[in-house]
Protein backbone atom coordinates (compact mmCIF):
# COMPACT_ATOMS: atom_id res chain seq x y z
CA UNK A 1 106.99 105.45 60.19
CA UNK A 2 103.98 107.72 59.88
CA UNK A 3 101.72 105.06 61.37
CA UNK A 4 104.03 104.70 64.35
CA UNK A 5 104.03 108.46 64.96
CA UNK A 6 100.24 108.59 64.77
CA UNK A 7 99.99 105.72 67.25
CA UNK A 8 102.34 107.50 69.67
CA UNK A 9 100.31 110.68 69.26
CA UNK A 10 97.08 108.89 70.17
CA UNK A 11 98.68 107.39 73.28
CA UNK A 12 100.02 110.78 74.36
CA UNK A 13 96.63 112.47 73.86
CA UNK A 14 94.81 109.76 75.84
CA UNK A 15 97.31 109.99 78.69
CA UNK A 16 97.07 113.77 78.72
CA UNK A 17 93.27 113.74 78.88
CA UNK A 18 93.34 111.33 81.85
CA UNK A 19 95.77 113.60 83.72
CA UNK A 20 93.68 116.70 83.04
CA UNK A 21 90.47 114.94 84.12
CA UNK A 22 92.08 113.86 87.39
CA UNK A 23 93.31 117.40 88.04
CA UNK A 24 89.88 118.80 87.25
CA UNK A 25 88.13 116.37 89.61
CA UNK A 26 90.54 117.23 92.43
CA UNK A 27 89.88 120.89 91.73
CA UNK A 28 86.14 120.34 92.01
CA UNK A 29 86.59 118.46 95.29
CA UNK A 30 88.69 121.30 96.67
CA UNK A 31 86.07 123.83 95.54
CA UNK A 32 83.30 121.89 97.28
CA UNK A 33 85.32 121.67 100.49
CA UNK A 34 86.14 125.36 100.24
CA UNK A 35 82.48 126.32 99.90
CA UNK A 36 81.36 124.03 102.72
CA UNK A 37 84.16 125.28 104.99
CA UNK A 38 85.79 121.86 105.41
CA UNK A 39 88.92 122.50 103.35
CA UNK A 40 91.08 122.35 106.48
CA UNK A 41 90.87 118.92 108.10
CA UNK A 42 92.49 120.14 111.29
CA UNK A 43 89.92 122.89 111.73
CA UNK A 44 87.77 122.29 114.76
CA UNK A 45 84.11 123.01 114.41
CA UNK A 46 82.54 125.12 117.09
CA UNK A 47 79.14 123.88 118.11
CA UNK A 48 76.46 126.52 118.28
CA UNK A 49 74.86 126.90 121.68
CA UNK A 50 71.50 125.20 122.03
CA UNK A 51 68.74 127.82 122.10
CA UNK A 52 66.80 127.90 125.34
CA UNK A 53 63.34 127.38 123.86
CA UNK A 54 60.48 126.70 126.23
CA UNK A 55 56.96 125.52 125.58
CA UNK A 56 53.84 127.37 126.70
CA UNK A 57 53.76 125.08 129.77
CA UNK A 58 57.35 125.92 130.69
CA UNK A 59 58.78 122.58 129.49
CA UNK A 60 61.50 122.13 126.89
CA UNK A 61 60.80 118.58 125.75
CA UNK A 62 57.88 117.60 123.57
CA UNK A 63 57.14 120.91 121.85
CA UNK A 64 58.29 122.64 118.71
CA UNK A 65 58.49 126.39 118.06
CA UNK A 66 58.08 126.28 114.30
CA UNK A 67 55.22 125.14 112.11
CA UNK A 68 55.23 122.27 109.67
CA UNK A 69 55.14 124.71 106.74
CA UNK A 70 58.46 126.13 107.96
CA UNK A 71 59.82 122.61 108.09
CA UNK A 72 58.78 121.83 104.52
CA UNK A 73 60.22 125.04 103.06
CA UNK A 74 63.44 124.37 105.01
CA UNK A 75 63.16 127.41 107.27
CA UNK A 76 64.50 127.11 110.82
CA UNK A 77 65.07 123.40 110.19
CA UNK A 78 68.46 123.59 111.88
CA UNK A 79 66.89 124.49 115.24
CA UNK A 80 66.22 121.28 117.14
CA UNK A 81 66.24 120.16 120.73
CA UNK A 82 69.25 118.22 121.91
CA UNK A 83 67.14 115.81 123.96
CA UNK A 84 64.69 115.03 121.18
CA UNK A 85 63.77 111.34 121.41
CA UNK A 86 62.21 111.17 117.94
CA UNK A 87 65.34 112.39 116.15
CA UNK A 88 67.54 110.09 118.26
CA UNK A 89 65.51 107.02 117.39
CA UNK A 90 65.24 107.95 113.73
CA UNK A 91 69.03 107.96 113.39
CA UNK A 92 69.45 104.77 115.42
CA UNK A 93 71.21 101.95 113.57
CA UNK A 94 69.34 99.25 115.51
CA UNK A 95 65.88 99.02 113.95
CA UNK A 96 62.75 98.29 115.98
CA UNK A 97 64.66 97.80 119.27
CA UNK A 98 63.38 99.60 122.36
CA UNK A 99 61.13 101.97 120.45
CA UNK A 100 57.72 102.92 121.71
CA UNK A 101 54.60 103.33 119.64
CA UNK A 102 52.70 106.57 119.11
CA UNK A 103 49.04 107.43 119.40
CA UNK A 104 47.30 108.27 116.12
CA UNK A 105 44.13 110.17 115.45
CA UNK A 106 41.87 107.97 113.26
CA UNK A 107 41.64 109.07 109.63
CA UNK A 108 38.51 108.64 107.55
CA UNK A 109 39.82 107.24 104.28
CA UNK A 110 38.34 105.30 101.39
CA UNK A 111 40.96 102.54 101.25
CA UNK A 112 42.94 103.91 98.29
CA UNK A 113 46.52 105.07 98.03
CA UNK A 114 47.07 108.85 98.01
CA UNK A 115 49.42 110.09 95.28
CA UNK A 116 51.25 113.29 96.27
CA UNK A 117 52.12 115.57 93.35
CA UNK A 118 53.33 118.73 95.11
CA UNK A 119 54.92 120.02 98.29
CA UNK A 120 51.67 121.78 99.17
CA UNK A 121 49.76 118.50 99.11
CA UNK A 122 52.41 116.91 101.31
CA UNK A 123 52.14 119.80 103.78
CA UNK A 124 48.37 119.32 103.98
CA UNK A 125 48.78 115.58 104.43
CA UNK A 126 51.26 115.92 107.30
CA UNK A 127 49.62 118.93 108.92
CA UNK A 128 50.04 118.33 112.67
CA UNK A 129 47.22 118.49 115.16
CA UNK A 130 48.45 121.38 117.31
CA UNK A 131 52.08 121.97 118.30
CA UNK A 132 52.61 119.00 120.59
CA UNK A 133 55.18 116.41 119.45
CA UNK A 134 54.83 114.03 122.39
CA UNK A 135 54.22 110.49 121.24
CA UNK A 136 52.01 109.84 124.25
CA UNK A 137 49.48 112.37 122.97
CA UNK A 138 47.22 111.61 119.96
CA UNK A 139 48.45 113.15 116.75
CA UNK A 140 48.28 113.04 112.98
CA UNK A 141 49.95 109.89 111.60
CA UNK A 142 50.87 109.01 108.04
CA UNK A 143 52.76 106.31 106.17
CA UNK A 144 54.60 107.61 103.10
CA UNK A 145 56.50 105.80 100.38
CA UNK A 146 59.31 107.72 98.71
CA UNK A 147 59.83 106.23 95.27
CA UNK A 148 60.79 107.02 91.71
CA UNK A 149 59.47 105.65 88.43
CA UNK A 150 62.92 104.61 87.16
CA UNK A 151 63.73 102.49 90.23
CA UNK A 152 63.21 98.70 89.88
CA UNK A 153 62.85 98.38 93.66
CA UNK A 154 60.00 100.88 93.67
CA UNK A 155 58.25 98.90 90.96
CA UNK A 156 58.51 95.73 93.06
CA UNK A 157 57.03 97.45 96.12
CA UNK A 158 54.14 99.03 94.18
CA UNK A 159 51.57 96.16 94.21
CA UNK A 160 52.06 95.49 97.93
CA UNK A 161 51.83 99.16 98.80
CA UNK A 162 48.69 99.57 96.67
CA UNK A 163 47.02 96.82 98.72
CA UNK A 164 47.98 98.33 102.07
CA UNK A 165 45.33 101.13 102.31
CA UNK A 166 42.54 98.51 102.26
CA UNK A 167 43.89 97.14 105.55
CA UNK A 168 44.25 100.57 107.18
CA UNK A 169 41.45 102.91 106.05
CA UNK A 170 41.99 104.84 109.30
CA UNK A 171 45.60 105.75 108.41
CA UNK A 172 46.92 108.20 105.81
CA UNK A 173 48.95 106.15 103.32
CA UNK A 174 50.55 108.05 100.45
CA UNK A 175 53.39 107.95 97.92
CA UNK A 176 55.55 110.74 96.51
CA UNK A 177 58.16 110.84 93.77
CA UNK A 178 61.44 111.53 95.59
CA UNK A 179 63.34 112.23 92.38
CA UNK A 180 60.85 114.89 91.32
CA UNK A 181 60.80 116.48 94.78
CA UNK A 182 64.45 115.92 95.63
CA UNK A 183 64.53 118.72 98.21
CA UNK A 184 62.72 116.43 100.66
CA UNK A 185 65.50 113.86 100.64
CA UNK A 186 67.84 115.91 102.83
CA UNK A 187 65.02 117.03 105.14
CA UNK A 188 63.83 113.50 105.90
CA UNK A 189 67.19 111.71 105.64
CA UNK A 190 66.37 109.68 102.53
CA UNK A 191 69.51 108.07 101.11
CA UNK A 192 68.00 105.28 99.02
CA UNK A 193 64.81 104.32 97.23
CA UNK A 194 62.30 102.98 97.92
CA UNK A 195 61.99 104.35 101.48
CA UNK A 196 58.93 103.88 103.67
CA UNK A 197 58.51 106.13 106.71
CA UNK A 198 55.95 106.66 109.44
CA UNK A 199 55.26 110.28 110.37
CA UNK A 200 53.75 111.55 113.60
CA UNK A 201 52.67 115.16 113.90
CA UNK A 202 54.46 116.00 110.64
CA UNK A 203 57.79 114.62 111.85
CA UNK A 204 59.56 111.43 110.71
CA UNK A 205 59.29 108.70 113.32
CA UNK A 206 60.86 105.54 111.91
CA UNK A 207 61.93 103.97 108.61
CA UNK A 208 60.99 100.55 107.32
CA UNK A 209 64.28 98.66 107.49
CA UNK A 210 63.36 95.13 106.41
CA UNK A 211 64.70 93.45 103.27
CA UNK A 212 61.38 91.83 102.34
CA UNK A 213 58.51 93.92 100.99
CA UNK A 214 55.09 92.38 101.47
CA UNK A 215 51.66 93.37 102.75
CA UNK A 216 52.00 91.30 105.90
CA UNK A 217 55.38 92.80 106.77
CA UNK A 218 53.95 96.28 106.25
CA UNK A 219 51.04 95.43 108.57
CA UNK A 220 53.43 94.28 111.30
CA UNK A 221 55.49 97.43 110.83
CA UNK A 222 52.47 99.73 111.15
CA UNK A 223 51.02 97.87 114.14
CA UNK A 224 54.39 97.96 115.93
CA UNK A 225 54.57 101.77 115.96
CA UNK A 226 50.93 102.90 115.81
CA UNK A 227 49.00 100.09 117.54
CA UNK A 228 46.53 100.22 114.65
CA UNK A 229 44.90 96.94 113.74
CA UNK A 230 44.47 95.68 110.19
CA UNK A 231 40.91 95.81 108.87
CA UNK A 232 40.91 92.30 107.37
CA UNK A 233 44.07 90.41 108.28
CA UNK A 234 42.87 87.22 106.59
CA UNK A 235 42.54 89.15 103.31
CA UNK A 236 46.01 90.69 103.46
CA UNK A 237 47.19 89.78 99.97
CA UNK A 238 47.81 91.39 96.60
CA UNK A 239 45.04 91.28 93.99
CA UNK A 240 45.17 91.76 90.24
CA UNK A 241 43.85 95.31 90.62
CA UNK A 242 46.86 96.23 92.73
CA UNK A 243 49.11 95.71 89.70
CA UNK A 244 47.15 98.36 87.78
CA UNK A 245 47.70 101.27 90.15
CA UNK A 246 47.55 103.86 91.41
CA UNK A 247 51.28 103.20 91.90
CA UNK A 248 52.73 101.70 88.73
CA UNK A 249 54.67 98.44 88.91
CA UNK A 250 56.50 99.10 85.63
CA UNK A 251 59.91 100.71 85.44
CA UNK A 252 59.96 103.91 83.40
CA UNK A 253 63.44 104.75 82.14
CA UNK A 254 64.00 108.49 82.01
CA UNK A 255 66.96 110.61 80.99
CA UNK A 256 68.29 113.00 83.56
CA UNK A 257 69.01 116.19 81.62
CA UNK A 258 70.97 117.70 84.52
CA UNK A 259 73.31 114.74 84.54
CA UNK A 260 74.08 115.38 80.87
CA UNK A 261 74.58 119.07 81.56
CA UNK A 262 77.00 118.23 84.38
CA UNK A 263 79.05 115.93 82.15
CA UNK A 264 79.16 118.55 79.40
CA UNK A 265 80.36 121.14 81.90
CA UNK A 266 83.12 118.84 83.18
CA UNK A 267 84.25 117.99 79.64
CA UNK A 268 84.24 121.66 78.63
CA UNK A 269 86.34 122.62 81.66
CA UNK A 270 88.77 119.77 81.01
CA UNK A 271 89.18 120.78 77.36
CA UNK A 272 89.67 124.44 78.28
CA UNK A 273 92.39 123.80 80.86
CA UNK A 274 94.03 121.20 78.65
CA UNK A 275 94.22 123.69 75.76
CA UNK A 276 96.16 126.06 78.03
CA UNK A 277 98.64 123.44 79.22
CA UNK A 278 102.19 122.83 78.03
CA UNK A 279 101.32 119.29 77.02
CA UNK A 280 98.74 120.60 74.57
CA UNK A 281 101.30 122.90 72.94
CA UNK A 282 103.75 120.01 72.65
CA UNK A 283 101.12 117.83 71.00
CA UNK A 284 100.23 120.61 68.53
CA UNK A 285 103.87 121.12 67.66
CA UNK A 286 104.34 117.37 67.21
CA UNK A 287 101.39 117.24 64.82
CA UNK A 288 102.73 120.19 62.81
CA UNK A 289 106.20 118.68 62.65
CA UNK A 290 104.84 115.29 61.59
CA UNK A 291 102.73 116.97 58.92
CA UNK A 292 105.69 118.92 57.53
CA UNK A 293 107.87 115.80 57.46
CA UNK A 294 105.22 113.85 55.60
CA UNK A 295 104.82 116.66 53.04
CA UNK A 296 108.59 116.87 52.55
CA UNK A 297 108.83 113.11 52.09
CA UNK A 298 105.96 113.18 49.59
CA UNK A 299 107.64 115.94 47.56
CA UNK A 300 110.94 114.04 47.62
CA UNK A 301 109.27 110.94 46.21
CA UNK A 302 107.75 112.97 43.39
């Protein structure tokens, strides 16, 4: 009899915790919608009027009114031109169709991959040449890999990407840890890793959208949008040194402390609201009643 009551108690507690967790998750979803202003589905959003920004030559297209530093620190990043071709093509779902190449200013590199460790280094790498954003005018170009050490896909890309700077010493080729600098993900539209992007004048131009990662595919991708030629196309292969760095080809498993903190917060909230519920009081009373009955039965047997 006691075993049956304990079994029922366990089932009731498990069911109660699932209900409280579901209520808590719905509460968090409502809170997020409330903060973002989307808690009313029927609410119509009012589009802000497009600012009438003109370039020094009197034209609207092809110029930006804010510097790249403002873009990196996320200031005035919501101000964009409605007829911006670069942003339209970047969000296009049809890759490599009908897109024109850009003109790049040659870079004097040493054939090695640049590892970016800070936002300041990224700002210096993507520093535009003037304020012009027209693709027909020569500008600063860069190819950047967004990766993370705990991603198996990033580890697979590493040897091929390490070999790429030898083919394009006249192009800035770099890699940055997207998990460490997660603020860049929303700015550049990064939704998955690894992500390879070409930048022109400090602005994202196009993403690499092929399923196969190899040196030859990267060369075709770069030539398609920059018209830059590979230095030694017949030597476009991965060597043993490319497996040693600078980008590591080994997966490093790390613990995300903020993920643990988030789970602890959710569990603490669930326990707090469950302790204030009627179900919790009923369970406590059931335990007390079962305990008193077992004590009375034990005394009766003695």
